[in-house]
């Protein structure tokens, strides 16, 4: 906030006109960049995906990070489509949610220097970086930012044994959050005092067994390695009435 951090706004949609509108709103609100996902549900062909992203780029002066997550969109961002988009300086990186840890090795030859290859899958982020990735836009770093930072720094310094050890410590939490993300992540952040666990339909709150799994995974990490708000504002009793 106030210049201390940079904001990447999620501004994607399966409607190109809505993605353009969200991107313009993000720019007007002061975002530093936007994260734009491959259009979902519609199953567009690669020419349509490319045209979608170019329309978004034409609507804004902000840098754009592409998001490829076929498990949610049904369509992947093909390497040749990605390579053509990366030739525009406005596209500055990729958040890769495919889980393919070899992708940095073949994509790095197709994109210009400075284009950032970022993992979007916590479970495979370490292997992604070891294969040449530049970093991770991480879900679990919301809960354990210090550990994630040390893991990525260790990988960058080729201290892979240390990075693997820390990654194993995070594995139970990663597994618990991935099962029902984003509801599980919201519940984890609720336990830490950051936010309410309430969700918008069609997402609903976790069942008790899933809540217990998240709580147990957080407890295993230890208080010194999880995120702590400077001031805990959330009162679970206050939110009980909806």
C-alpha atoms as a PDB file:
ATOM      1  CA  UNK A   1       0.000   0.000   0.000  1.00  0.00           C
ATOM      2  CA  UNK A   2       1.012   3.636  -0.541  1.00  0.00           C
ATOM      3  CA  UNK A   3       3.892   2.643  -2.789  1.00  0.00           C
ATOM      4  CA  UNK A   4       5.251  -0.088  -0.521  1.00  0.00           C
ATOM      5  CA  UNK A   5       3.997  -2.946  -2.694  1.00  0.00           C
ATOM      6  CA  UNK A   6       2.857  -3.513  -6.248  1.00  0.00           C
ATOM      7  CA  UNK A   7      -0.662  -4.631  -7.053  1.00  0.00           C
ATOM      8  CA  UNK A   8      -1.401  -7.174  -9.777  1.00  0.00           C
ATOM      9  CA  UNK A   9      -5.157  -7.171 -10.328  1.00  0.00           C
ATOM     10  CA  UNK A  10      -6.990 -10.243 -11.557  1.00  0.00           C
ATOM     11  CA  UNK A  11      -9.012  -8.969 -14.502  1.00  0.00           C
ATOM     12  CA  UNK A  12      -9.889 -12.040 -16.518  1.00  0.00           C
ATOM     13  CA  UNK A  13     -13.179 -13.223 -17.984  1.00  0.00           C
ATOM     14  CA  UNK A  14     -14.455 -15.613 -20.633  1.00  0.00           C
ATOM     15  CA  UNK A  15     -16.091 -12.569 -22.237  1.00  0.00           C
ATOM     16  CA  UNK A  16     -13.569 -10.377 -24.017  1.00  0.00           C
ATOM     17  CA  UNK A  17     -15.638  -7.250 -23.524  1.00  0.00           C
ATOM     18  CA  UNK A  18     -15.903  -7.925 -19.784  1.00  0.00           C
ATOM     19  CA  UNK A  19     -12.173  -8.652 -19.534  1.00  0.00           C
ATOM     20  CA  UNK A  20     -11.519  -5.309 -21.223  1.00  0.00           C
ATOM     21  CA  UNK A  21     -13.865  -3.527 -18.819  1.00  0.00           C
ATOM     22  CA  UNK A  22     -12.285  -5.161 -15.758  1.00  0.00           C
ATOM     23  CA  UNK A  23      -8.824  -4.274 -17.032  1.00  0.00           C
ATOM     24  CA  UNK A  24      -9.811  -0.635 -17.496  1.00  0.00           C
ATOM     25  CA  UNK A  25     -11.262  -0.559 -13.997  1.00  0.00           C
ATOM     26  CA  UNK A  26      -8.068  -2.032 -12.584  1.00  0.00           C
ATOM     27  CA  UNK A  27      -5.996   0.623 -14.317  1.00  0.00           C
ATOM     28  CA  UNK A  28      -8.298   3.391 -13.096  1.00  0.00           C
ATOM     29  CA  UNK A  29      -8.026   2.040  -9.540  1.00  0.00           C
ATOM     30  CA  UNK A  30      -4.233   2.285  -9.644  1.00  0.00           C
ATOM     31  CA  UNK A  31      -3.129  -1.307 -10.275  1.00  0.00           C
ATOM     32  CA  UNK A  32       0.451  -1.792 -11.442  1.00  0.00           C
ATOM     33  CA  UNK A  33      -0.332  -4.756 -13.728  1.00  0.00           C
ATOM     34  CA  UNK A  34      -3.140  -7.165 -14.538  1.00  0.00           C
ATOM     35  CA  UNK A  35      -3.377 -10.940 -14.489  1.00  0.00           C
ATOM     36  CA  UNK A  36      -5.455 -12.105 -17.448  1.00  0.00           C
ATOM     37  CA  UNK A  37      -6.606 -15.709 -17.711  1.00  0.00           C
ATOM     38  CA  UNK A  38      -7.253 -17.833 -20.791  1.00  0.00           C
ATOM     39  CA  UNK A  39     -11.018 -17.539 -21.479  1.00  0.00           C
ATOM     40  CA  UNK A  40     -12.828 -20.373 -19.730  1.00  0.00           C
ATOM     41  CA  UNK A  41     -15.879 -22.503 -20.577  1.00  0.00           C
ATOM     42  CA  UNK A  42     -16.226 -21.201 -24.146  1.00  0.00           C
ATOM     43  CA  UNK A  43     -13.373 -23.448 -25.370  1.00  0.00           C
ATOM     44  CA  UNK A  44     -11.999 -20.927 -27.903  1.00  0.00           C
ATOM     45  CA  UNK A  45      -9.493 -21.967 -30.532  1.00  0.00           C
ATOM     46  CA  UNK A  46      -5.932 -20.650 -30.247  1.00  0.00           C
ATOM     47  CA  UNK A  47      -6.620 -17.838 -32.739  1.00  0.00           C
ATOM     48  CA  UNK A  48      -9.486 -16.701 -30.513  1.00  0.00           C
ATOM     49  CA  UNK A  49      -7.343 -16.860 -27.373  1.00  0.00           C
ATOM     50  CA  UNK A  50      -4.674 -14.746 -29.047  1.00  0.00           C
ATOM     51  CA  UNK A  51      -7.245 -12.209 -30.292  1.00  0.00           C
ATOM     52  CA  UNK A  52      -8.761 -12.044 -26.790  1.00  0.00           C
ATOM     53  CA  UNK A  53      -5.447 -11.142 -25.160  1.00  0.00           C
ATOM     54  CA  UNK A  54      -4.568  -8.622 -27.858  1.00  0.00           C
ATOM     55  CA  UNK A  55      -7.926  -6.889 -27.341  1.00  0.00           C
ATOM     56  CA  UNK A  56      -7.200  -6.679 -23.608  1.00  0.00           C
ATOM     57  CA  UNK A  57      -3.743  -5.241 -24.324  1.00  0.00           C
ATOM     58  CA  UNK A  58      -5.172  -2.599 -26.650  1.00  0.00           C
ATOM     59  CA  UNK A  59      -7.498  -1.415 -23.882  1.00  0.00           C
ATOM     60  CA  UNK A  60      -4.813  -0.540 -21.339  1.00  0.00           C
ATOM     61  CA  UNK A  61      -1.333   0.793 -20.810  1.00  0.00           C
ATOM     62  CA  UNK A  62      -0.697  -1.655 -17.971  1.00  0.00           C
ATOM     63  CA  UNK A  63       1.664  -4.630 -18.218  1.00  0.00           C
ATOM     64  CA  UNK A  64      -0.141  -7.951 -18.544  1.00  0.00           C
ATOM     65  CA  UNK A  65       0.703 -11.320 -17.020  1.00  0.00           C
ATOM     66  CA  UNK A  66      -0.920 -14.200 -18.864  1.00  0.00           C
ATOM     67  CA  UNK A  67      -2.518 -16.984 -16.827  1.00  0.00           C
ATOM     68  CA  UNK A  68      -2.651 -20.515 -18.176  1.00  0.00           C
ATOM     69  CA  UNK A  69      -4.609 -22.969 -15.991  1.00  0.00           C
ATOM     70  CA  UNK A  70      -6.255 -25.652 -18.161  1.00  0.00           C
ATOM     71  CA  UNK A  71      -7.823 -27.465 -15.197  1.00  0.00           C
ATOM     72  CA  UNK A  72     -10.144 -24.478 -14.792  1.00  0.00           C
ATOM     73  CA  UNK A  73     -10.366 -23.124 -18.341  1.00  0.00           C
ATOM     74  CA  UNK A  74     -10.452 -26.400 -20.345  1.00  0.00           C
ATOM     75  CA  UNK A  75      -8.232 -24.726 -22.955  1.00  0.00           C
ATOM     76  CA  UNK A  76      -4.455 -24.332 -22.662  1.00  0.00           C
ATOM     77  CA  UNK A  77      -2.325 -21.484 -23.947  1.00  0.00           C
ATOM     78  CA  UNK A  78      -0.293 -23.260 -26.621  1.00  0.00           C
ATOM     79  CA  UNK A  79       3.428 -22.589 -26.757  1.00  0.00           C
ATOM     80  CA  UNK A  80       3.327 -21.016 -30.223  1.00  0.00           C
ATOM     81  CA  UNK A  81       0.441 -18.720 -29.210  1.00  0.00           C
ATOM     82  CA  UNK A  82       2.355 -17.799 -26.090  1.00  0.00           C
ATOM     83  CA  UNK A  83       5.499 -17.096 -28.099  1.00  0.00           C
ATOM     84  CA  UNK A  84       3.670 -14.714 -30.469  1.00  0.00           C
ATOM     85  CA  UNK A  85       2.074 -12.783 -27.595  1.00  0.00           C
ATOM     86  CA  UNK A  86       5.393 -12.527 -25.746  1.00  0.00           C
ATOM     87  CA  UNK A  87       6.888 -10.561 -28.624  1.00  0.00           C
ATOM     88  CA  UNK A  88       4.804  -7.602 -27.440  1.00  0.00           C
ATOM     89  CA  UNK A  89       6.511  -5.816 -24.548  1.00  0.00           C
ATOM     90  CA  UNK A  90       3.121  -5.329 -22.906  1.00  0.00           C
ATOM     91  CA  UNK A  91       2.980  -9.029 -22.059  1.00  0.00           C
ATOM     92  CA  UNK A  92       5.584  -9.353 -19.334  1.00  0.00           C
ATOM     93  CA  UNK A  93       5.092 -12.834 -17.916  1.00  0.00           C
ATOM     94  CA  UNK A  94       3.185 -16.081 -17.601  1.00  0.00           C
ATOM     95  CA  UNK A  95       1.564 -17.602 -14.527  1.00  0.00           C
ATOM     96  CA  UNK A  96       1.684 -21.263 -15.417  1.00  0.00           C
ATOM     97  CA  UNK A  97      -0.868 -23.477 -13.664  1.00  0.00           C
ATOM     98  CA  UNK A  98      -0.412 -26.553 -15.840  1.00  0.00           C
ATOM     99  CA  UNK A  99       1.773 -28.381 -13.329  1.00  0.00           C
ATOM    100  CA  UNK A 100       4.217 -29.148 -16.171  1.00  0.00           C
ATOM    101  CA  UNK A 101       7.594 -28.612 -14.493  1.00  0.00           C
ATOM    102  CA  UNK A 102       9.463 -28.934 -17.798  1.00  0.00           C
ATOM    103  CA  UNK A 103       7.684 -25.963 -19.339  1.00  0.00           C
ATOM    104  CA  UNK A 104      10.351 -23.336 -18.491  1.00  0.00           C
ATOM    105  CA  UNK A 105      12.942 -25.369 -20.384  1.00  0.00           C
ATOM    106  CA  UNK A 106      11.131 -25.178 -23.713  1.00  0.00           C
ATOM    107  CA  UNK A 107       9.346 -21.842 -23.250  1.00  0.00           C
ATOM    108  CA  UNK A 108      12.502 -19.936 -22.319  1.00  0.00           C
ATOM    109  CA  UNK A 109      13.790 -20.340 -25.859  1.00  0.00           C
ATOM    110  CA  UNK A 110      10.571 -18.876 -27.300  1.00  0.00           C
ATOM    111  CA  UNK A 111      10.237 -15.685 -25.261  1.00  0.00           C
ATOM    112  CA  UNK A 112      12.385 -12.535 -25.160  1.00  0.00           C
ATOM    113  CA  UNK A 113      14.816 -11.807 -22.307  1.00  0.00           C
ATOM    114  CA  UNK A 114      13.055 -10.360 -19.296  1.00  0.00           C
ATOM    115  CA  UNK A 115       9.801 -12.221 -19.868  1.00  0.00           C
ATOM    116  CA  UNK A 116       9.027 -13.890 -16.532  1.00  0.00           C
ATOM    117  CA  UNK A 117       8.006 -17.536 -16.300  1.00  0.00           C
ATOM    118  CA  UNK A 118       6.133 -17.937 -13.010  1.00  0.00           C
ATOM    119  CA  UNK A 119       4.598 -21.023 -11.498  1.00  0.00           C
ATOM    120  CA  UNK A 120       0.965 -20.837 -10.483  1.00  0.00           C
ATOM    121  CA  UNK A 121       0.930 -24.284  -8.865  1.00  0.00           C
ATOM    122  CA  UNK A 122       2.356 -24.453  -5.333  1.00  0.00           C
ATOM    123  CA  UNK A 123       2.761 -28.225  -5.342  1.00  0.00           C
ATOM    124  CA  UNK A 124       5.179 -28.117  -8.295  1.00  0.00           C
ATOM    125  CA  UNK A 125       6.625 -24.614  -7.877  1.00  0.00           C
ATOM    126  CA  UNK A 126      10.004 -25.778  -6.592  1.00  0.00           C
ATOM    127  CA  UNK A 127      10.505 -28.175  -9.497  1.00  0.00           C
ATOM    128  CA  UNK A 128       9.298 -25.465 -11.905  1.00  0.00           C
ATOM    129  CA  UNK A 129      11.943 -23.066 -10.604  1.00  0.00           C
ATOM    130  CA  UNK A 130      14.638 -25.740 -10.643  1.00  0.00           C
ATOM    131  CA  UNK A 131      13.839 -26.174 -14.349  1.00  0.00           C
ATOM    132  CA  UNK A 132      14.486 -22.496 -15.043  1.00  0.00           C
ATOM    133  CA  UNK A 133      11.336 -20.732 -13.836  1.00  0.00           C
ATOM    134  CA  UNK A 134      11.672 -17.238 -12.428  1.00  0.00           C
ATOM    135  CA  UNK A 135       9.358 -17.494  -9.420  1.00  0.00           C
ATOM    136  CA  UNK A 136       5.820 -18.222  -8.320  1.00  0.00           C
ATOM    137  CA  UNK A 137       2.540 -16.367  -7.893  1.00  0.00           C
ATOM    138  CA  UNK A 138       1.692 -18.449  -4.882  1.00  0.00           C
ATOM    139  CA  UNK A 139      -1.509 -19.280  -3.014  1.00  0.00           C
ATOM    140  CA  UNK A 140       0.209 -20.751   0.031  1.00  0.00           C
ATOM    141  CA  UNK A 141       2.438 -17.701   0.490  1.00  0.00           C
ATOM    142  CA  UNK A 142      -0.662 -15.945   1.833  1.00  0.00           C
ATOM    143  CA  UNK A 143      -0.420 -18.274   4.839  1.00  0.00           C
ATOM    144  CA  UNK A 144       3.331 -18.917   5.155  1.00  0.00           C
ATOM    145  CA  UNK A 145       5.091 -16.080   3.300  1.00  0.00           C
ATOM    146  CA  UNK A 146       8.367 -16.401   5.194  1.00  0.00           C
ATOM    147  CA  UNK A 147       8.793 -20.084   4.408  1.00  0.00           C
ATOM    148  CA  UNK A 148       7.905 -19.542   0.751  1.00  0.00           C
ATOM    149  CA  UNK A 149      10.447 -16.753   0.459  1.00  0.00           C
ATOM    150  CA  UNK A 150      13.193 -18.931   1.946  1.00  0.00           C
ATOM    151  CA  UNK A 151      12.266 -21.811  -0.371  1.00  0.00           C
ATOM    152  CA  UNK A 152      12.496 -19.634  -3.477  1.00  0.00           C
ATOM    153  CA  UNK A 153      15.711 -17.958  -2.310  1.00  0.00           C
ATOM    154  CA  UNK A 154      17.242 -21.362  -1.552  1.00  0.00           C
ATOM    155  CA  UNK A 155      16.308 -22.577  -5.017  1.00  0.00           C
ATOM    156  CA  UNK A 156      17.813 -19.460  -6.579  1.00  0.00           C
ATOM    157  CA  UNK A 157      21.046 -20.064  -4.674  1.00  0.00           C
ATOM    158  CA  UNK A 158      21.098 -23.749  -5.668  1.00  0.00           C
ATOM    159  CA  UNK A 159      20.511 -24.868  -2.061  1.00  0.00           C
ATOM    160  CA  UNK A 160      18.104 -27.520  -3.265  1.00  0.00           C
ATOM    161  CA  UNK A 161      18.349 -29.795  -0.223  1.00  0.00           C
ATOM    162  CA  UNK A 162      17.247 -26.951   2.030  1.00  0.00           C
ATOM    163  CA  UNK A 163      14.481 -25.966  -0.389  1.00  0.00           C
ATOM    164  CA  UNK A 164      13.170 -29.532  -0.590  1.00  0.00           C
ATOM    165  CA  UNK A 165      13.138 -29.868   3.194  1.00  0.00           C
ATOM    166  CA  UNK A 166      11.071 -26.700   3.595  1.00  0.00           C
ATOM    167  CA  UNK A 167       8.785 -27.689   0.730  1.00  0.00           C
ATOM    168  CA  UNK A 168       8.009 -30.949   2.519  1.00  0.00           C
ATOM    169  CA  UNK A 169       7.033 -28.973   5.621  1.00  0.00           C
ATOM    170  CA  UNK A 170       4.481 -27.106   3.539  1.00  0.00           C
ATOM    171  CA  UNK A 171       3.160 -30.170   1.694  1.00  0.00           C
ATOM    172  CA  UNK A 172       0.257 -30.997   4.083  1.00  0.00           C
ATOM    173  CA  UNK A 173      -0.970 -27.399   4.014  1.00  0.00           C
ATOM    174  CA  UNK A 174      -0.639 -27.214   0.242  1.00  0.00           C
ATOM    175  CA  UNK A 175      -2.692 -30.405  -0.121  1.00  0.00           C
ATOM    176  CA  UNK A 176      -5.366 -29.147   2.285  1.00  0.00           C
ATOM    177  CA  UNK A 177      -5.745 -25.809   0.513  1.00  0.00           C
ATOM    178  CA  UNK A 178      -5.727 -27.140  -3.029  1.00  0.00           C
ATOM    179  CA  UNK A 179      -8.686 -29.468  -2.422  1.00  0.00           C
ATOM    180  CA  UNK A 180     -11.233 -26.673  -2.042  1.00  0.00           C
ATOM    181  CA  UNK A 181      -9.533 -23.466  -3.117  1.00  0.00           C
ATOM    182  CA  UNK A 182     -10.566 -20.632  -2.610  1.00  0.00           C
ATOM    183  CA  UNK A 183     -12.804 -21.613   0.321  1.00  0.00           C
ATOM    184  CA  UNK A 184      -9.942 -23.410   2.069  1.00  0.00           C
ATOM    185  CA  UNK A 185      -7.600 -20.467   1.677  1.00  0.00           C
ATOM    186  CA  UNK A 186     -10.206 -18.069   3.045  1.00  0.00           C
ATOM    187  CA  UNK A 187     -10.723 -20.341   6.043  1.00  0.00           C
ATOM    188  CA  UNK A 188      -6.964 -20.544   6.681  1.00  0.00           C
ATOM    189  CA  UNK A 189      -6.708 -16.752   6.598  1.00  0.00           C
ATOM    190  CA  UNK A 190      -9.704 -16.547   8.922  1.00  0.00           C
ATOM    191  CA  UNK A 191      -7.869 -18.731  11.451  1.00  0.00           C
ATOM    192  CA  UNK A 192      -4.936 -16.327  11.270  1.00  0.00           C
ATOM    193  CA  UNK A 193      -7.163 -13.297  11.845  1.00  0.00           C
ATOM    194  CA  UNK A 194      -7.038 -11.756   8.379  1.00  0.00           C
ATOM    195  CA  UNK A 195     -10.535 -12.133   6.966  1.00  0.00           C
ATOM    196  CA  UNK A 196     -13.976 -13.659   7.172  1.00  0.00           C
ATOM    197  CA  UNK A 197     -14.346 -17.213   5.811  1.00  0.00           C
ATOM    198  CA  UNK A 198     -17.600 -16.348   4.023  1.00  0.00           C
ATOM    199  CA  UNK A 199     -17.801 -17.084   0.310  1.00  0.00           C
ATOM    200  CA  UNK A 200     -19.984 -16.166  -2.652  1.00  0.00           C
ATOM    201  CA  UNK A 201     -22.165 -18.796  -4.301  1.00  0.00           C
ATOM    202  CA  UNK A 202     -21.607 -21.189  -5.915  1.00  0.00           C
ATOM    203  CA  UNK A 203     -18.618 -21.525  -3.522  1.00  0.00           C
ATOM    204  CA  UNK A 204     -19.687 -22.452   0.023  1.00  0.00           C
ATOM    205  CA  UNK A 205     -17.755 -22.663   3.272  1.00  0.00           C
ATOM    206  CA  UNK A 206     -15.794 -25.789   4.147  1.00  0.00           C
ATOM    207  CA  UNK A 207     -17.377 -28.705   5.955  1.00  0.00           C
ATOM    208  CA  UNK A 208     -16.090 -29.402   9.479  1.00  0.00           C
ATOM    209  CA  UNK A 209     -13.728 -32.202   8.419  1.00  0.00           C
ATOM    210  CA  UNK A 210     -12.043 -29.968   5.849  1.00  0.00           C
ATOM    211  CA  UNK A 211     -11.769 -27.146   8.387  1.00  0.00           C
ATOM    212  CA  UNK A 212     -10.055 -29.511  10.813  1.00  0.00           C
ATOM    213  CA  UNK A 213      -7.601 -30.591   8.110  1.00  0.00           C
ATOM    214  CA  UNK A 214      -6.660 -26.984   7.347  1.00  0.00           C
ATOM    215  CA  UNK A 215      -6.295 -26.133  11.031  1.00  0.00           C
ATOM    216  CA  UNK A 216      -4.113 -29.187  11.646  1.00  0.00           C
ATOM    217  CA  UNK A 217      -1.866 -28.383   8.686  1.00  0.00           C
ATOM    218  CA  UNK A 218      -1.366 -24.824   9.925  1.00  0.00           C
ATOM    219  CA  UNK A 219      -0.560 -26.067  13.435  1.00  0.00           C
ATOM    220  CA  UNK A 220       2.109 -28.406  12.040  1.00  0.00           C
ATOM    221  CA  UNK A 221       3.991 -25.501  10.491  1.00  0.00           C
ATOM    222  CA  UNK A 222       4.388 -23.575  13.738  1.00  0.00           C
ATOM    223  CA  UNK A 223       3.534 -20.051  14.814  1.00  0.00           C
ATOM    224  CA  UNK A 224       6.902 -18.598  13.878  1.00  0.00           C
ATOM    225  CA  UNK A 225       6.496 -19.469  10.200  1.00  0.00           C
ATOM    226  CA  UNK A 226       2.929 -18.383   9.453  1.00  0.00           C
ATOM    227  CA  UNK A 227       1.556 -14.977   8.530  1.00  0.00           C
ATOM    228  CA  UNK A 228       0.365 -12.782  11.391  1.00  0.00           C
ATOM    229  CA  UNK A 229      -1.725  -9.628  10.983  1.00  0.00           C
ATOM    230  CA  UNK A 230      -0.494  -6.527  12.745  1.00  0.00           C
ATOM    231  CA  UNK A 231      -3.966  -6.221  14.243  1.00  0.00           C
ATOM    232  CA  UNK A 232      -6.522  -9.022  14.362  1.00  0.00           C
ATOM    233  CA  UNK A 233      -9.855  -7.459  13.435  1.00  0.00           C
ATOM    234  CA  UNK A 234     -11.901 -10.523  12.629  1.00  0.00           C
ATOM    235  CA  UNK A 235     -14.376 -11.720  15.238  1.00  0.00           C
ATOM    236  CA  UNK A 236     -15.867 -15.132  14.254  1.00  0.00           C
ATOM    237  CA  UNK A 237     -18.853 -14.575  16.553  1.00  0.00           C
ATOM    238  CA  UNK A 238     -19.709 -11.334  14.837  1.00  0.00           C
ATOM    239  CA  UNK A 239     -19.892 -13.088  11.471  1.00  0.00           C
ATOM    240  CA  UNK A 240     -21.945 -16.059  12.654  1.00  0.00           C
ATOM    241  CA  UNK A 241     -25.201 -14.454  11.652  1.00  0.00           C
ATOM    242  CA  UNK A 242     -24.105 -14.082   8.011  1.00  0.00           C
END
